[in-house]
Amino acid sequence: LSEDTIVVFTSDHGDMLGQHDEWCKGQPYDGSVRTPYIVHWPGRVPENITLDGPTEAVDLPCSILDAAGLGDRIEKLLPHTPGRSFMDYASGKADAHRGWAYSEFKSDWLMCREADWKYVARTDAPDLLFDLANDPWEIRNVIDESSQADRVSRMRRQLVESMSRRVGV
């Protein structure tokens, strides 16, 4: 049974544990939004590897259906889902899964996360842009740097694209 069983451990959010003086979920920082997928599937997913590419929570149902051999039926079983299976990425058949990921919290904020960059559009405060390669603790907001104008514009378009997929526009 263990050879034919996929085990997935994940969470719907993290808790801040004091980063940015926050202690709960619902923040656009990695301590809250970056959640793990731990996948154990002998013979299909390599053991002891870490993949850091962006995924979204909506990808998990698609991935489970794909693992069950129903990948060609995802659209029928989950109509209009914005999710995509990450099984090719997890099994090493693909080098990447997504170029960026979308996240949101109520009507407080929307986030676009790339491998090294994060853009956050907030309703009650100025927007945020973090260079995660040089600022992994998300301390320095570089949203107002003129050299980042094209990046901010592109990431805002990605947010609009993600919102459109979610409401079926």
Protein backbone atom coordinates (compact mmCIF):
# COMPACT_ATOMS: atom_id res chain seq x y z
CA LEU A 1 0.00 0.00 0.00
CA SER A 2 2.80 2.46 0.80
CA GLU A 3 4.22 2.13 -2.72
CA ASP A 4 0.88 3.13 -4.28
CA THR A 5 -0.11 5.91 -1.87
CA ILE A 6 0.61 9.59 -2.27
CA VAL A 7 0.90 11.55 0.97
CA VAL A 8 0.69 15.35 0.85
CA PHE A 9 1.22 17.60 3.86
CA THR A 10 0.35 21.25 3.52
CA SER A 11 -1.26 24.17 5.28
CA ASP A 12 -3.58 26.97 4.21
CA HIS A 13 -1.41 29.67 5.80
CA GLY A 14 1.51 30.30 8.06
CA ASP A 15 1.62 32.35 11.22
CA MET A 16 3.91 35.34 11.51
CA LEU A 17 5.48 34.39 14.86
CA GLY A 18 6.60 37.96 15.49
CA GLN A 19 8.02 38.93 12.10
CA HIS A 20 7.04 42.52 11.29
CA ASP A 21 5.55 42.67 14.82
CA GLU A 22 2.70 40.38 13.67
CA TRP A 23 1.56 37.16 15.32
CA CYS A 24 -1.31 35.91 13.16
CA LYS A 25 -2.20 34.91 9.63
CA GLY A 26 -3.47 37.30 7.02
CA GLN A 27 -0.28 39.22 6.30
CA PRO A 28 1.28 39.50 2.82
CA TYR A 29 4.73 38.52 4.14
CA ASP A 30 6.28 35.11 3.47
CA GLY A 31 5.83 34.05 7.10
CA SER A 32 2.09 34.01 6.47
CA VAL A 33 1.64 33.27 2.76
CA ARG A 34 4.47 30.90 1.91
CA THR A 35 3.15 27.48 2.88
CA PRO A 36 4.76 24.08 2.31
CA TYR A 37 3.80 21.15 0.19
CA ILE A 38 5.54 18.05 1.42
CA VAL A 39 4.88 15.24 -1.05
CA HIS A 40 5.80 11.60 -0.53
CA TRP A 41 5.08 9.29 -3.45
CA PRO A 42 7.67 6.51 -3.82
CA GLY A 43 8.94 6.01 -7.33
CA ARG A 44 7.15 9.07 -8.68
CA VAL A 45 8.40 12.05 -6.68
CA PRO A 46 12.12 12.13 -5.84
CA GLU A 47 12.94 12.07 -2.14
CA ASN A 48 14.89 14.72 -0.25
CA ILE A 49 14.62 17.52 -2.78
CA THR A 50 13.37 21.05 -2.28
CA LEU A 51 11.61 22.97 -5.01
CA ASP A 52 11.19 26.70 -4.47
CA GLY A 53 9.14 27.60 -7.53
CA PRO A 54 5.82 29.39 -7.03
CA THR A 55 2.65 27.34 -6.65
CA GLU A 56 -0.82 28.28 -5.48
CA ALA A 57 -3.23 26.54 -3.12
CA VAL A 58 -5.64 26.09 -6.06
CA ASP A 59 -3.01 23.84 -7.67
CA LEU A 60 -3.39 21.11 -5.02
CA PRO A 61 -6.76 19.66 -6.14
CA CYS A 62 -5.54 19.61 -9.76
CA SER A 63 -2.32 17.89 -8.68
CA ILE A 64 -4.18 15.22 -6.74
CA LEU A 65 -6.49 14.54 -9.68
CA ASP A 66 -3.45 14.32 -11.96
CA ALA A 67 -1.72 11.91 -9.57
CA ALA A 68 -4.86 9.76 -9.59
CA GLY A 69 -4.66 9.51 -13.39
CA LEU A 70 -7.43 12.05 -13.98
CA GLY A 71 -5.27 14.90 -15.31
CA ASP A 72 -7.14 14.93 -18.61
CA ARG A 73 -10.45 15.45 -16.74
CA ILE A 74 -9.48 18.39 -14.52
CA GLU A 75 -11.46 20.95 -16.56
CA LYS A 76 -14.56 18.75 -16.42
CA LEU A 77 -14.22 17.94 -12.72
CA LEU A 78 -13.15 21.45 -11.65
CA PRO A 79 -14.69 23.77 -14.26
CA HIS A 80 -12.98 27.15 -14.63
CA THR A 81 -10.36 26.37 -12.00
CA PRO A 82 -7.34 28.66 -12.07
CA GLY A 83 -5.31 25.76 -10.65
CA ARG A 84 -2.82 23.59 -12.53
CA SER A 85 -1.22 20.32 -11.57
CA PHE A 86 2.29 20.64 -10.18
CA MET A 87 3.03 16.91 -10.50
CA ASP A 88 5.36 17.30 -13.52
CA TYR A 89 7.33 19.86 -11.52
CA ALA A 90 7.39 17.71 -8.37
CA SER A 91 8.43 14.60 -10.27
CA GLY A 92 11.25 16.37 -12.10
CA LYS A 93 9.62 16.20 -15.54
CA ALA A 94 9.37 20.02 -15.68
CA ASP A 95 11.90 22.66 -14.60
CA ALA A 96 9.23 25.04 -13.31
CA HIS A 97 5.55 25.18 -12.49
CA ARG A 98 4.56 28.84 -12.56
CA GLY A 99 6.47 32.02 -13.20
CA TRP A 100 4.52 33.72 -10.44
CA ALA A 101 1.81 33.04 -7.89
CA TYR A 102 -1.23 34.98 -6.72
CA SER A 103 -2.50 35.36 -3.16
CA GLU A 104 -5.10 37.49 -1.44
CA PHE A 105 -6.58 38.14 1.98
CA LYS A 106 -10.19 39.28 2.21
CA SER A 107 -10.30 42.75 0.71
CA ASP A 108 -7.15 43.83 2.56
CA TRP A 109 -4.49 42.99 -0.04
CA LEU A 110 -3.62 41.18 -3.27
CA MET A 111 -0.17 39.77 -3.91
CA CYS A 112 1.88 38.69 -6.90
CA ARG A 113 4.95 36.61 -5.97
CA GLU A 114 7.74 35.74 -8.38
CA ALA A 115 10.85 33.77 -7.43
CA ASP A 116 12.76 36.89 -6.31
CA TRP A 117 10.13 39.62 -6.21
CA LYS A 118 6.87 40.29 -4.40
CA TYR A 119 4.32 42.99 -5.19
CA VAL A 120 1.46 43.70 -2.77
CA ALA A 121 -1.50 45.96 -3.57
CA ARG A 122 -3.10 47.04 -0.29
CA THR A 123 -6.45 48.77 0.18
CA ASP A 124 -5.62 50.69 3.35
CA ALA A 125 -1.92 51.43 2.96
CA PRO A 126 0.70 52.08 0.27
CA ASP A 127 1.62 49.23 -2.06
CA LEU A 128 4.73 47.16 -1.39
CA LEU A 129 7.51 45.80 -3.60
CA PHE A 130 10.24 43.60 -2.17
CA ASP A 131 13.45 42.36 -3.79
CA LEU A 132 13.49 38.98 -2.06
CA ALA A 133 16.92 37.98 -3.36
CA ASN A 134 18.53 40.91 -1.53
CA ASP A 135 15.90 41.42 1.18
CA PRO A 136 14.50 38.01 2.21
CA TRP A 137 13.01 39.42 5.42
CA GLU A 138 10.89 41.91 3.43
CA ILE A 139 12.13 44.98 5.26
CA ARG A 140 12.86 47.47 2.46
CA ASN A 141 9.93 48.54 0.29
CA VAL A 142 11.34 49.57 -3.12
CA ILE A 143 7.98 50.46 -4.69
CA ASP A 144 8.97 54.11 -5.21
CA GLU A 145 12.30 53.44 -6.92
CA SER A 146 12.02 54.63 -10.52
CA SER A 147 14.10 51.68 -11.71
CA GLN A 148 11.23 49.38 -10.61
CA ALA A 149 8.41 51.11 -12.56
CA ASP A 150 8.29 48.49 -15.34
CA ARG A 151 8.36 45.63 -12.83
CA VAL A 152 5.50 47.17 -10.81
CA SER A 153 3.46 47.67 -13.98
CA ARG A 154 4.03 44.06 -15.10
CA MET A 155 3.20 42.64 -11.67
CA ARG A 156 0.02 44.74 -11.47
CA ARG A 157 -1.04 43.27 -14.83
CA GLN A 158 -0.34 39.79 -13.45
CA LEU A 159 -2.65 40.56 -10.50
CA VAL A 160 -5.41 41.67 -12.85
CA GLU A 161 -4.90 38.50 -14.92
CA SER A 162 -5.17 36.32 -11.80
CA MET A 163 -8.29 38.09 -10.57
CA SER A 164 -9.86 37.70 -14.02
CA ARG A 165 -9.18 33.94 -14.03
CA ARG A 166 -10.79 33.60 -10.64
CA VAL A 167 -14.02 35.31 -11.56
CA GLY A 168 -14.22 33.79 -15.04
CA VAL A 169 -13.86 37.03 -17.01
